[in-house]
C-alpha atoms as a PDB file:
ATOM      1  CA  MET A   1     -11.259 -52.014  13.753  1.00  0.00           C
ATOM      2  CA  ASP A   2     -12.432 -52.324  10.132  1.00  0.00           C
ATOM      3  CA  LYS A   3     -15.896 -53.376  11.309  1.00  0.00           C
ATOM      4  CA  ILE A   4     -16.308 -50.355  13.433  1.00  0.00           C
ATOM      5  CA  ILE A   5     -15.030 -48.019  10.686  1.00  0.00           C
ATOM      6  CA  PHE A   6     -17.393 -49.644   8.211  1.00  0.00           C
ATOM      7  CA  ALA A   7     -20.411 -49.242  10.627  1.00  0.00           C
ATOM      8  CA  PHE A   8     -19.674 -45.481  10.776  1.00  0.00           C
ATOM      9  CA  ASN A   9     -19.270 -45.494   6.967  1.00  0.00           C
ATOM     10  CA  SER A  10     -22.616 -47.127   6.559  1.00  0.00           C
ATOM     11  CA  LEU A  11     -24.391 -44.726   8.778  1.00  0.00           C
ATOM     12  CA  ALA A  12     -22.864 -41.751   6.939  1.00  0.00           C
ATOM     13  CA  ALA A  13     -23.825 -43.270   3.645  1.00  0.00           C
ATOM     14  CA  PHE A  14     -27.370 -43.915   4.763  1.00  0.00           C
ATOM     15  CA  LEU A  15     -27.885 -40.424   6.115  1.00  0.00           C
ATOM     16  CA  LEU A  16     -26.464 -38.917   2.910  1.00  0.00           C
ATOM     17  CA  LEU A  17     -28.794 -40.956   0.803  1.00  0.00           C
ATOM     18  CA  ILE A  18     -31.837 -39.916   2.845  1.00  0.00           C
ATOM     19  CA  SER A  19     -30.733 -36.201   2.570  1.00  0.00           C
ATOM     20  CA  TYR A  20     -31.036 -36.367  -1.163  1.00  0.00           C
ATOM     21  CA  LEU A  21     -34.718 -36.643  -0.765  1.00  0.00           C
ATOM     22  CA  LEU A  22     -34.977 -33.540   1.575  1.00  0.00           C
ATOM     23  CA  PRO A  23     -35.350 -30.894  -1.203  1.00  0.00           C
ATOM     24  CA  PHE A  24     -38.641 -32.613  -2.050  1.00  0.00           C
ATOM     25  CA  VAL A  25     -39.969 -32.810   1.478  1.00  0.00           C
ATOM     26  CA  PRO A  26     -41.910 -29.776   2.824  1.00  0.00           C
ATOM     27  CA  PRO A  27     -40.656 -28.948   6.226  1.00  0.00           C
ATOM     28  CA  LYS A  28     -44.273 -28.417   7.362  1.00  0.00           C
ATOM     29  CA  SER A  29     -44.636 -32.226   6.985  1.00  0.00           C
ATOM     30  CA  PHE A  30     -41.286 -33.337   8.228  1.00  0.00           C
ATOM     31  CA  ALA A  31     -39.687 -30.419   9.870  1.00  0.00           C
ATOM     32  CA  THR A  32     -37.326 -32.315  12.053  1.00  0.00           C
ATOM     33  CA  VAL A  33     -35.920 -34.485   9.325  1.00  0.00           C
ATOM     34  CA  SER A  34     -35.352 -31.371   7.316  1.00  0.00           C
ATOM     35  CA  ALA A  35     -32.694 -30.304   9.675  1.00  0.00           C
ATOM     36  CA  LEU A  36     -30.528 -32.980   8.193  1.00  0.00           C
ATOM     37  CA  SER A  37     -30.034 -30.691   5.080  1.00  0.00           C
ATOM     38  CA  LEU A  38     -27.619 -28.523   7.067  1.00  0.00           C
ATOM     39  CA  SER A  39     -25.269 -31.606   7.575  1.00  0.00           C
ATOM     40  CA  VAL A  40     -25.195 -32.466   3.815  1.00  0.00           C
ATOM     41  CA  PRO A  41     -21.724 -30.858   3.131  1.00  0.00           C
ATOM     42  CA  ILE A  42     -20.400 -32.717   6.228  1.00  0.00           C
ATOM     43  CA  LEU A  43     -21.899 -36.025   5.072  1.00  0.00           C
ATOM     44  CA  ILE A  44     -20.462 -35.618   1.550  1.00  0.00           C
ATOM     45  CA  ILE A  45     -16.984 -34.867   2.893  1.00  0.00           C
ATOM     46  CA  LEU A  46     -17.157 -37.901   5.348  1.00  0.00           C
ATOM     47  CA  ASN A  47     -18.129 -40.244   2.460  1.00  0.00           C
ATOM     48  CA  ILE A  48     -15.319 -38.927   0.258  1.00  0.00           C
ATOM     49  CA  PHE A  49     -12.850 -39.757   3.136  1.00  0.00           C
ATOM     50  CA  PHE A  50     -14.370 -43.160   3.617  1.00  0.00           C
ATOM     51  CA  PHE A  51     -14.108 -43.859  -0.092  1.00  0.00           C
ATOM     52  CA  ILE A  52     -10.449 -42.745  -0.165  1.00  0.00           C
ATOM     53  CA  TYR A  53      -9.728 -44.873   3.126  1.00  0.00           C
ATOM     54  CA  TRP A  54     -11.076 -48.043   1.567  1.00  0.00           C
ATOM     55  CA  LEU A  55      -9.557 -47.368  -1.884  1.00  0.00           C
ATOM     56  CA  LEU A  56      -6.045 -47.018  -0.403  1.00  0.00           C
ATOM     57  CA  ARG A  57      -6.617 -50.273   1.434  1.00  0.00           C
ATOM     58  CA  ILE A  58      -7.983 -51.849  -1.784  1.00  0.00           C
ATOM     59  CA  LYS A  59     -11.195 -53.024   0.064  1.00  0.00           C
ATOM     60  CA  LYS A  60     -14.510 -53.626  -1.560  1.00  0.00           C
ATOM     61  CA  GLN A  61     -16.146 -51.572   1.213  1.00  0.00           C
ATOM     62  CA  LEU A  62     -15.327 -48.455  -0.958  1.00  0.00           C
ATOM     63  CA  LEU A  63     -18.343 -49.348  -3.030  1.00  0.00           C
ATOM     64  CA  ILE A  64     -20.968 -48.086  -0.467  1.00  0.00           C
ATOM     65  CA  SER A  65     -19.748 -44.530  -0.381  1.00  0.00           C
ATOM     66  CA  LEU A  66     -18.846 -44.502  -4.169  1.00  0.00           C
ATOM     67  CA  LEU A  67     -22.424 -45.667  -4.940  1.00  0.00           C
ATOM     68  CA  VAL A  68     -24.049 -42.994  -2.645  1.00  0.00           C
ATOM     69  CA  LEU A  69     -21.747 -40.212  -4.110  1.00  0.00           C
ATOM     70  CA  VAL A  70     -22.518 -41.121  -7.667  1.00  0.00           C
ATOM     71  CA  LEU A  71     -26.224 -41.314  -6.864  1.00  0.00           C
ATOM     72  CA  GLY A  72     -26.209 -37.753  -5.571  1.00  0.00           C
ATOM     73  CA  TRP A  73     -23.587 -36.383  -8.033  1.00  0.00           C
ATOM     74  CA  SER A  74     -25.426 -33.096  -8.434  1.00  0.00           C
ATOM     75  CA  HIS A  75     -25.193 -32.534  -4.670  1.00  0.00           C
ATOM     76  CA  VAL A  76     -21.454 -33.246  -4.721  1.00  0.00           C
ATOM     77  CA  THR A  77     -20.874 -30.894  -7.684  1.00  0.00           C
ATOM     78  CA  ALA A  78     -22.997 -28.228  -5.967  1.00  0.00           C
ATOM     79  CA  LEU A  79     -20.593 -28.286  -2.962  1.00  0.00           C
ATOM     80  CA  TYR A  80     -17.365 -27.628  -4.981  1.00  0.00           C
ATOM     81  CA  LYS A  81     -16.933 -26.038  -8.405  1.00  0.00           C
ATOM     82  CA  PHE A  82     -13.932 -25.776 -10.808  1.00  0.00           C
ATOM     83  CA  SER A  83     -15.479 -23.524 -13.319  1.00  0.00           C
ATOM     84  CA  SER A  84     -14.197 -20.098 -12.036  1.00  0.00           C
ATOM     85  CA  SER A  85     -14.556 -17.114 -14.327  1.00  0.00           C
ATOM     86  CA  LEU A  86     -15.106 -13.344 -14.108  1.00  0.00           C
ATOM     87  CA  ASP A  87     -15.556 -11.542 -17.378  1.00  0.00           C
ATOM     88  CA  ASN A  88     -15.957  -7.856 -16.866  1.00  0.00           C
ATOM     89  CA  ALA A  89     -15.149  -6.921 -20.553  1.00  0.00           C
ATOM     90  CA  ASP A  90     -18.627  -6.873 -22.090  1.00  0.00           C
ATOM     91  CA  GLN A  91     -20.274  -3.501 -21.737  1.00  0.00           C
ATOM     92  CA  GLU A  92     -23.700  -5.188 -21.609  1.00  0.00           C
ATOM     93  CA  ASN A  93     -22.766  -7.046 -18.413  1.00  0.00           C
ATOM     94  CA  ILE A  94     -24.658  -6.454 -15.254  1.00  0.00           C
ATOM     95  CA  SER A  95     -22.917  -7.023 -11.918  1.00  0.00           C
ATOM     96  CA  ILE A  96     -24.897  -7.979  -8.879  1.00  0.00           C
ATOM     97  CA  MET A  97     -23.578  -8.145  -5.295  1.00  0.00           C
ATOM     98  CA  SER A  98     -25.279  -9.567  -2.247  1.00  0.00           C
ATOM     99  CA  PHE A  99     -23.938  -9.117   1.307  1.00  0.00           C
ATOM    100  CA  ASN A 100     -25.303  -9.603   4.785  1.00  0.00           C
ATOM    101  CA  VAL A 101     -23.532  -6.710   6.562  1.00  0.00           C
ATOM    102  CA  ARG A 102     -24.578  -7.754  10.090  1.00  0.00           C
ATOM    103  CA  LEU A 103     -25.592  -4.245  11.246  1.00  0.00           C
ATOM    104  CA  PHE A 104     -22.188  -2.848  10.125  1.00  0.00           C
ATOM    105  CA  ASN A 105     -20.621  -4.489  13.192  1.00  0.00           C
ATOM    106  CA  HIS A 106     -22.832  -2.305  15.473  1.00  0.00           C
ATOM    107  CA  TYR A 107     -22.224  -4.619  18.503  1.00  0.00           C
ATOM    108  CA  ASN A 108     -18.530  -4.951  17.847  1.00  0.00           C
ATOM    109  CA  TRP A 109     -18.483  -8.699  16.973  1.00  0.00           C
ATOM    110  CA  ILE A 110     -15.398  -7.908  15.102  1.00  0.00           C
ATOM    111  CA  PRO A 111     -12.646  -5.909  17.154  1.00  0.00           C
ATOM    112  CA  ASP A 112     -12.362  -3.270  14.494  1.00  0.00           C
ATOM    113  CA  LYS A 113     -14.057   0.114  14.871  1.00  0.00           C
ATOM    114  CA  SER A 114     -13.761   0.938  11.142  1.00  0.00           C
ATOM    115  CA  VAL A 115     -15.743  -1.995   9.686  1.00  0.00           C
ATOM    116  CA  ARG A 116     -18.576   0.309   8.435  1.00  0.00           C
ATOM    117  CA  GLU A 117     -16.151   2.520   6.562  1.00  0.00           C
ATOM    118  CA  GLU A 118     -14.305  -0.531   5.235  1.00  0.00           C
ATOM    119  CA  ILE A 119     -17.605  -1.871   3.847  1.00  0.00           C
ATOM    120  CA  VAL A 120     -18.382   1.348   2.124  1.00  0.00           C
ATOM    121  CA  LYS A 121     -14.822   1.418   0.629  1.00  0.00           C
ATOM    122  CA  PHE A 122     -15.227  -2.195  -0.465  1.00  0.00           C
ATOM    123  CA  PHE A 123     -18.449  -1.285  -2.393  1.00  0.00           C
ATOM    124  CA  GLU A 124     -16.824   1.830  -3.856  1.00  0.00           C
ATOM    125  CA  ASN A 125     -13.740  -0.303  -5.034  1.00  0.00           C
ATOM    126  CA  GLU A 126     -15.845  -3.223  -6.561  1.00  0.00           C
ATOM    127  CA  SER A 127     -18.527  -0.799  -7.998  1.00  0.00           C
ATOM    128  CA  PRO A 128     -21.226  -3.460  -8.891  1.00  0.00           C
ATOM    129  CA  ASP A 129     -24.301  -2.227 -10.823  1.00  0.00           C
ATOM    130  CA  ILE A 130     -26.692  -3.587  -8.178  1.00  0.00           C
ATOM    131  CA  ILE A 131     -26.037  -4.067  -4.398  1.00  0.00           C
ATOM    132  CA  CYS A 132     -28.420  -6.064  -2.178  1.00  0.00           C
ATOM    133  CA  LEU A 133     -27.906  -5.809   1.568  1.00  0.00           C
ATOM    134  CA  GLN A 134     -29.291  -7.758   4.482  1.00  0.00           C
ATOM    135  CA  GLU A 135     -29.204  -6.665   8.155  1.00  0.00           C
ATOM    136  CA  TYR A 136     -28.891  -3.075   7.163  1.00  0.00           C
ATOM    137  CA  THR A 137     -29.816  -0.397   9.727  1.00  0.00           C
ATOM    138  CA  ARG A 138     -31.634   2.827   9.793  1.00  0.00           C
ATOM    139  CA  GLY A 139     -29.324   4.055  12.646  1.00  0.00           C
ATOM    140  CA  LEU A 140     -26.278   3.635  10.365  1.00  0.00           C
ATOM    141  CA  PRO A 141     -27.273   4.369   6.803  1.00  0.00           C
ATOM    142  CA  ILE A 142     -24.587   4.566   4.149  1.00  0.00           C
ATOM    143  CA  ARG A 143     -24.433   6.831   1.057  1.00  0.00           C
ATOM    144  CA  LEU A 144     -22.897   5.487  -2.204  1.00  0.00           C
ATOM    145  CA  GLU A 145     -22.311   8.105  -4.790  1.00  0.00           C
ATOM    146  CA  GLY A 146     -23.702   7.177  -8.266  1.00  0.00           C
ATOM    147  CA  TYR A 147     -26.367   4.808  -6.912  1.00  0.00           C
ATOM    148  CA  ASN A 148     -30.136   5.095  -6.540  1.00  0.00           C
ATOM    149  CA  GLU A 149     -31.256   3.653  -3.184  1.00  0.00           C
ATOM    150  CA  PHE A 150     -34.405   1.666  -2.419  1.00  0.00           C
ATOM    151  CA  ASN A 151     -35.526   0.522   1.030  1.00  0.00           C
ATOM    152  CA  ALA A 152     -39.143  -0.143   2.076  1.00  0.00           C
ATOM    153  CA  ARG A 153     -38.747  -1.254   5.581  1.00  0.00           C
ATOM    154  CA  TYR A 154     -36.386  -0.679   8.483  1.00  0.00           C
ATOM    155  CA  MET A 155     -36.755  -2.146  11.908  1.00  0.00           C
ATOM    156  CA  LYS A 156     -36.725   0.278  14.877  1.00  0.00           C
ATOM    157  CA  ASN A 157     -33.389   1.363  16.277  1.00  0.00           C
ATOM    158  CA  VAL A 158     -30.720  -1.031  15.119  1.00  0.00           C
ATOM    159  CA  ARG A 159     -32.835  -4.137  14.420  1.00  0.00           C
ATOM    160  CA  PRO A 160     -32.085  -5.839  10.918  1.00  0.00           C
ATOM    161  CA  GLY A 161     -33.416  -4.230   7.874  1.00  0.00           C
ATOM    162  CA  MET A 162     -32.932  -4.381   4.199  1.00  0.00           C
ATOM    163  CA  ALA A 163     -31.597  -2.100   1.377  1.00  0.00           C
ATOM    164  CA  MET A 164     -30.897  -2.195  -2.349  1.00  0.00           C
ATOM    165  CA  PHE A 165     -28.710   0.131  -4.379  1.00  0.00           C
ATOM    166  CA  SER A 166     -28.764   0.372  -8.217  1.00  0.00           C
ATOM    167  CA  LYS A 167     -26.853   2.398 -10.850  1.00  0.00           C
ATOM    168  CA  PHE A 168     -29.811   1.907 -13.150  1.00  0.00           C
ATOM    169  CA  PRO A 169     -33.090   3.839 -12.684  1.00  0.00           C
ATOM    170  CA  ILE A 170     -35.508   2.356 -10.196  1.00  0.00           C
ATOM    171  CA  ILE A 171     -39.107   2.706 -11.476  1.00  0.00           C
ATOM    172  CA  ASN A 172     -40.912   0.492  -8.871  1.00  0.00           C
ATOM    173  CA  GLY A 173     -40.349  -1.293  -5.587  1.00  0.00           C
ATOM    174  CA  GLY A 174     -41.841  -2.746  -2.486  1.00  0.00           C
ATOM    175  CA  SER A 175     -41.608  -4.928   0.547  1.00  0.00           C
ATOM    176  CA  LEU A 176     -42.844  -8.487   1.248  1.00  0.00           C
ATOM    177  CA  ASP A 177     -43.310  -8.612   4.911  1.00  0.00           C
ATOM    178  CA  PHE A 178     -43.077 -12.119   6.326  1.00  0.00           C
ATOM    179  CA  PRO A 179     -45.862 -12.987   8.894  1.00  0.00           C
ATOM    180  CA  ASP A 180     -44.660 -13.264  12.535  1.00  0.00           C
ATOM    181  CA  SER A 181     -40.976 -12.538  11.573  1.00  0.00           C
ATOM    182  CA  ASN A 182     -38.472  -9.815  11.790  1.00  0.00           C
ATOM    183  CA  ASN A 183     -37.185 -10.894   8.342  1.00  0.00           C
ATOM    184  CA  ASN A 184     -38.582  -9.793   5.044  1.00  0.00           C
ATOM    185  CA  ALA A 185     -37.749  -9.323   1.314  1.00  0.00           C
ATOM    186  CA  LEU A 186     -37.572  -6.319  -0.959  1.00  0.00           C
ATOM    187  CA  PHE A 187     -38.071  -5.995  -4.592  1.00  0.00           C
ATOM    188  CA  MET A 188     -37.257  -3.352  -7.164  1.00  0.00           C
ATOM    189  CA  ASP A 189     -37.740  -2.944 -10.978  1.00  0.00           C
ATOM    190  CA  VAL A 190     -34.710  -1.410 -12.697  1.00  0.00           C
ATOM    191  CA  VAL A 191     -34.388  -0.196 -16.219  1.00  0.00           C
ATOM    192  CA  LYS A 192     -31.334  -1.060 -18.332  1.00  0.00           C
ATOM    193  CA  GLY A 193     -31.530   0.166 -21.925  1.00  0.00           C
ATOM    194  CA  ASN A 194     -34.914  -1.186 -23.321  1.00  0.00           C
ATOM    195  CA  ASP A 195     -35.275  -3.841 -20.646  1.00  0.00           C
ATOM    196  CA  THR A 196     -36.981  -3.727 -17.170  1.00  0.00           C
ATOM    197  CA  ILE A 197     -35.564  -6.262 -14.714  1.00  0.00           C
ATOM    198  CA  ARG A 198     -37.124  -7.368 -11.358  1.00  0.00           C
ATOM    199  CA  VAL A 199     -34.626  -7.753  -8.522  1.00  0.00           C
ATOM    200  CA  TYR A 200     -35.471  -9.462  -5.249  1.00  0.00           C
ATOM    201  CA  ASN A 201     -33.469  -9.193  -2.084  1.00  0.00           C
ATOM    202  CA  ILE A 202     -34.511 -11.833   0.490  1.00  0.00           C
ATOM    203  CA  HIS A 203     -33.555 -12.609   4.000  1.00  0.00           C
ATOM    204  CA  LEU A 204     -35.262 -15.870   5.181  1.00  0.00           C
ATOM    205  CA  GLN A 205     -35.852 -16.762   8.798  1.00  0.00           C
ATOM    206  CA  SER A 206     -32.675 -17.321  10.860  1.00  0.00           C
ATOM    207  CA  SER A 207     -32.159 -20.202  13.184  1.00  0.00           C
ATOM    208  CA  GLY A 208     -30.815 -17.794  15.962  1.00  0.00           C
ATOM    209  CA  ILE A 209     -28.381 -20.646  16.892  1.00  0.00           C
ATOM    210  CA  ASN A 210     -25.011 -19.514  18.007  1.00  0.00           C
ATOM    211  CA  THR A 211     -22.599 -20.938  15.396  1.00  0.00           C
ATOM    212  CA  ASN A 212     -19.538 -20.894  17.715  1.00  0.00           C
ATOM    213  CA  VAL A 213     -18.627 -24.585  18.039  1.00  0.00           C
ATOM    214  CA  GLU A 214     -17.898 -24.257  21.767  1.00  0.00           C
ATOM    215  CA  SER A 215     -21.359 -22.729  22.320  1.00  0.00           C
ATOM    216  CA  LEU A 216     -23.023 -25.464  20.330  1.00  0.00           C
ATOM    217  CA  LYS A 217     -21.507 -28.110  22.654  1.00  0.00           C
ATOM    218  CA  THR A 218     -23.396 -26.547  25.612  1.00  0.00           C
ATOM    219  CA  GLU A 219     -26.884 -26.524  23.842  1.00  0.00           C
ATOM    220  CA  SER A 220     -29.001 -29.623  24.045  1.00  0.00           C
ATOM    221  CA  SER A 221     -29.729 -31.389  20.792  1.00  0.00           C
ATOM    222  CA  ASP A 222     -33.502 -31.268  21.624  1.00  0.00           C
ATOM    223  CA  GLY A 223     -33.274 -27.529  21.957  1.00  0.00           C
ATOM    224  CA  ILE A 224     -31.484 -27.166  18.552  1.00  0.00           C
ATOM    225  CA  PHE A 225     -33.858 -29.443  16.613  1.00  0.00           C
ATOM    226  CA  SER A 226     -36.961 -27.731  18.193  1.00  0.00           C
ATOM    227  CA  ARG A 227     -35.676 -24.368  17.023  1.00  0.00           C
ATOM    228  CA  LEU A 228     -34.774 -25.688  13.618  1.00  0.00           C
ATOM    229  CA  LYS A 229     -38.168 -27.284  13.209  1.00  0.00           C
ATOM    230  CA  ASN A 230     -39.800 -23.870  13.675  1.00  0.00           C
ATOM    231  CA  VAL A 231     -37.283 -22.034  11.389  1.00  0.00           C
ATOM    232  CA  PHE A 232     -37.703 -24.419   8.479  1.00  0.00           C
ATOM    233  CA  GLN A 233     -41.546 -24.246   8.666  1.00  0.00           C
ATOM    234  CA  LYS A 234     -41.322 -20.396   8.645  1.00  0.00           C
ATOM    235  CA  GLN A 235     -38.814 -20.605   5.732  1.00  0.00           C
ATOM    236  CA  GLN A 236     -41.240 -22.703   3.804  1.00  0.00           C
ATOM    237  CA  GLU A 237     -44.049 -20.022   4.226  1.00  0.00           C
ATOM    238  CA  GLN A 238     -41.670 -17.223   3.256  1.00  0.00           C
ATOM    239  CA  ALA A 239     -40.476 -19.100   0.159  1.00  0.00           C
ATOM    240  CA  GLU A 240     -44.128 -19.751  -0.873  1.00  0.00           C
ATOM    241  CA  LEU A 241     -44.885 -16.051  -0.443  1.00  0.00           C
ATOM    242  CA  ILE A 242     -41.918 -15.084  -2.650  1.00  0.00           C
ATOM    243  CA  ASN A 243     -42.955 -17.476  -5.341  1.00  0.00           C
ATOM    244  CA  ARG A 244     -46.493 -16.253  -5.344  1.00  0.00           C
ATOM    245  CA  HIS A 245     -45.287 -12.596  -5.714  1.00  0.00           C
ATOM    246  CA  ARG A 246     -42.840 -13.531  -8.443  1.00  0.00           C
ATOM    247  CA  SER A 247     -45.516 -15.360 -10.439  1.00  0.00           C
ATOM    248  CA  ASN A 248     -47.289 -12.005 -10.980  1.00  0.00           C
ATOM    249  CA  THR A 249     -44.500 -10.355 -12.931  1.00  0.00           C
ATOM    250  CA  HIS A 250     -43.570 -10.894 -16.509  1.00  0.00           C
ATOM    251  CA  TYR A 251     -40.102  -9.164 -16.088  1.00  0.00           C
ATOM    252  CA  LYS A 252     -36.826 -11.023 -16.264  1.00  0.00           C
ATOM    253  CA  THR A 253     -35.884 -11.858 -12.677  1.00  0.00           C
ATOM    254  CA  ILE A 254     -32.919 -11.808 -10.370  1.00  0.00           C
ATOM    255  CA  ILE A 255     -33.243 -13.209  -6.864  1.00  0.00           C
ATOM    256  CA  THR A 256     -30.443 -12.442  -4.213  1.00  0.00           C
ATOM    257  CA  GLY A 257     -30.084 -12.895  -0.518  1.00  0.00           C
ATOM    258  CA  ASP A 258     -29.379 -14.716   2.664  1.00  0.00           C
ATOM    259  CA  PHE A 259     -31.525 -17.933   2.741  1.00  0.00           C
ATOM    260  CA  ASN A 260     -30.225 -19.176   6.103  1.00  0.00           C
ATOM    261  CA  ASN A 261     -30.269 -22.562   4.462  1.00  0.00           C
ATOM    262  CA  THR A 262     -28.138 -24.591   2.043  1.00  0.00           C
ATOM    263  CA  THR A 263     -28.307 -25.785  -1.504  1.00  0.00           C
ATOM    264  CA  HIS A 264     -29.667 -29.126  -0.154  1.00  0.00           C
ATOM    265  CA  SER A 265     -32.816 -27.748   1.282  1.00  0.00           C
ATOM    266  CA  TYR A 266     -36.443 -27.511   0.346  1.00  0.00           C
ATOM    267  CA  VAL A 267     -36.502 -23.700   0.229  1.00  0.00           C
ATOM    268  CA  TYR A 268     -33.508 -23.500  -2.033  1.00  0.00           C
ATOM    269  CA  LYS A 269     -35.223 -25.749  -4.643  1.00  0.00           C
ATOM    270  CA  GLU A 270     -38.469 -23.942  -4.306  1.00  0.00           C
ATOM    271  CA  ILE A 271     -36.991 -20.395  -4.714  1.00  0.00           C
ATOM    272  CA  LYS A 272     -34.479 -21.385  -7.427  1.00  0.00           C
ATOM    273  CA  ASN A 273     -37.265 -23.144  -9.298  1.00  0.00           C
ATOM    274  CA  ASP A 274     -36.446 -22.511 -13.026  1.00  0.00           C
ATOM    275  CA  LEU A 275     -33.616 -19.968 -12.395  1.00  0.00           C
ATOM    276  CA  LYS A 276     -29.934 -20.370 -12.682  1.00  0.00           C
ATOM    277  CA  ASP A 277     -27.660 -20.523  -9.621  1.00  0.00           C
ATOM    278  CA  THR A 278     -24.819 -18.217 -10.698  1.00  0.00           C
ATOM    279  CA  PHE A 279     -22.312 -19.971  -8.419  1.00  0.00           C
ATOM    280  CA  GLU A 280     -23.003 -23.360 -10.058  1.00  0.00           C
ATOM    281  CA  GLU A 281     -22.690 -21.686 -13.549  1.00  0.00           C
ATOM    282  CA  ALA A 282     -19.366 -19.823 -12.920  1.00  0.00           C
ATOM    283  CA  GLY A 283     -18.156 -20.224  -9.446  1.00  0.00           C
ATOM    284  CA  ASN A 284     -14.978 -21.756  -7.847  1.00  0.00           C
ATOM    285  CA  GLY A 285     -14.181 -23.785  -4.799  1.00  0.00           C
ATOM    286  CA  PHE A 286     -16.544 -24.432  -2.014  1.00  0.00           C
ATOM    287  CA  GLY A 287     -18.300 -21.095  -2.401  1.00  0.00           C
ATOM    288  CA  ARG A 288     -18.483 -20.489   1.309  1.00  0.00           C
ATOM    289  CA  THR A 289     -20.587 -17.448   2.236  1.00  0.00           C
ATOM    290  CA  PHE A 290     -21.015 -17.890   6.009  1.00  0.00           C
ATOM    291  CA  ASP A 291     -18.315 -17.954   8.652  1.00  0.00           C
ATOM    292  CA  PHE A 292     -18.881 -21.298  10.359  1.00  0.00           C
ATOM    293  CA  LYS A 293     -15.614 -22.887  11.748  1.00  0.00           C
ATOM    294  CA  PHE A 294     -14.502 -26.070   9.920  1.00  0.00           C
ATOM    295  CA  PHE A 295     -17.514 -26.289   7.499  1.00  0.00           C
ATOM    296  CA  PRO A 296     -17.872 -24.495   4.120  1.00  0.00           C
ATOM    297  CA  PHE A 297     -21.590 -23.355   4.270  1.00  0.00           C
ATOM    298  CA  ARG A 298     -23.069 -21.664   1.241  1.00  0.00           C
ATOM    299  CA  ILE A 299     -26.258 -19.975   2.368  1.00  0.00           C
ATOM    300  CA  ASP A 300     -26.234 -16.711   0.258  1.00  0.00           C
ATOM    301  CA  PHE A 301     -27.164 -16.961  -3.335  1.00  0.00           C
ATOM    302  CA  ILE A 302     -27.743 -15.032  -6.674  1.00  0.00           C
ATOM    303  CA  PHE A 303     -30.232 -16.589  -8.915  1.00  0.00           C
ATOM    304  CA  VAL A 304     -30.993 -15.250 -12.481  1.00  0.00           C
ATOM    305  CA  ASP A 305     -33.624 -15.910 -15.094  1.00  0.00           C
ATOM    306  CA  LYS A 306     -32.747 -18.371 -17.894  1.00  0.00           C
ATOM    307  CA  ALA A 307     -32.794 -15.303 -20.270  1.00  0.00           C
ATOM    308  CA  PHE A 308     -29.343 -14.276 -18.738  1.00  0.00           C
ATOM    309  CA  THR A 309     -25.922 -15.614 -19.482  1.00  0.00           C
ATOM    310  CA  VAL A 310     -23.709 -15.952 -16.491  1.00  0.00           C
ATOM    311  CA  ASN A 311     -20.279 -14.550 -17.314  1.00  0.00           C
ATOM    312  CA  GLY A 312     -18.707 -14.669 -13.890  1.00  0.00           C
ATOM    313  CA  PHE A 313     -19.152 -15.265 -10.182  1.00  0.00           C
ATOM    314  CA  LYS A 314     -16.882 -14.394  -7.295  1.00  0.00           C
ATOM    315  CA  ASN A 315     -16.709 -15.108  -3.511  1.00  0.00           C
ATOM    316  CA  TYR A 316     -14.938 -12.536  -1.532  1.00  0.00           C
ATOM    317  CA  ASP A 317     -12.686 -13.539   1.442  1.00  0.00           C
ATOM    318  CA  VAL A 318     -13.113 -10.376   3.425  1.00  0.00           C
ATOM    319  CA  LYS A 319     -13.770 -10.422   7.132  1.00  0.00           C
ATOM    320  CA  LEU A 320     -16.301  -7.631   7.513  1.00  0.00           C
ATOM    321  CA  SER A 321     -19.211  -9.604   8.823  1.00  0.00           C
ATOM    322  CA  ASP A 322     -20.296 -13.215   9.629  1.00  0.00           C
ATOM    323  CA  HIS A 323     -21.066 -13.595   6.016  1.00  0.00           C
ATOM    324  CA  TYR A 324     -18.909 -13.029   3.010  1.00  0.00           C
ATOM    325  CA  PRO A 325     -19.990 -10.902   0.022  1.00  0.00           C
ATOM    326  CA  ILE A 326     -20.698 -12.559  -3.346  1.00  0.00           C
ATOM    327  CA  LYS A 327     -20.867 -11.069  -6.883  1.00  0.00           C
ATOM    328  CA  ALA A 328     -22.282 -12.349 -10.107  1.00  0.00           C
ATOM    329  CA  ILE A 329     -21.773 -10.962 -13.607  1.00  0.00           C
ATOM    330  CA  VAL A 330     -24.569 -11.647 -16.069  1.00  0.00           C
ATOM    331  CA  LYS A 331     -25.713 -10.494 -19.462  1.00  0.00           C
ATOM    332  CA  LEU A 332     -29.389 -10.401 -20.763  1.00  0.00           C
ATOM    333  CA  ASP A 333     -29.644 -12.159 -23.951  1.00  0.00           C
ATOM    334  CA  GLN A 334     -31.240 -10.197 -26.739  1.00  0.00           C
END
């Protein structure tokens, strides 16, 4: 039995070791292998269990998982954080919220007719300075008192769109339309005091895969990998477009949105670049942002320029979409 367990342990350790290289491998070159990035949280947890199993049995086999986990320590710590904080006291703080609202439950995925009203009430109660929404609709717009609204593109009828709300004056904005995609990104420039801040709200290409575990069992692995290959290639193109656009501004920058990919992916590394991941700075727990049964996927992010101090981060456990809202509290250093 130990030989069989060790064989599975070795496979899990090898796959996790290979996955550490994926953030540096462009999907256009190795798109199929890039799909492994989605399994990194599972592989980390498996290797932790294997390590504990061999440790309790006082077996030297524990070394294989221990070595792989230590080599990828930054990936392990990105999966779970203990540094929770939420400091609202400083008047100079800026609070940013990102939330994929899934068309305000237009198709009744959640058996609750009041989801749209509950989302509005949630925003009113939390009252962040900046709100970035993905899968927003023209058919069901919301009005938030005290906010300036910016949107540069809606899809027809109830197709996904984007919107941004700010308590600060908005002096500029635009849309980055992704080629051959229903997804896009918005940007706006807001003024706080003497500073102008560029805020991006992005929604990278979705896989379109039904995340219901039972549904996944009925779909062929070839079909899933073929779809992911195309998605990751599109995501790379979209990340490159965002980075080119960002390189043309001298403003301090905040990037938010739904990446439809994990912290272990190429597009995460490319977009984050020299920015701070606010969850890694001040988050707590697994930081789950997407409702996928059994696995704590974090695919929604808030990045800030190094000129910001991150004073807090919060994941909200509210069931109003297939995503969960996130909020960061930051301060621009003078």
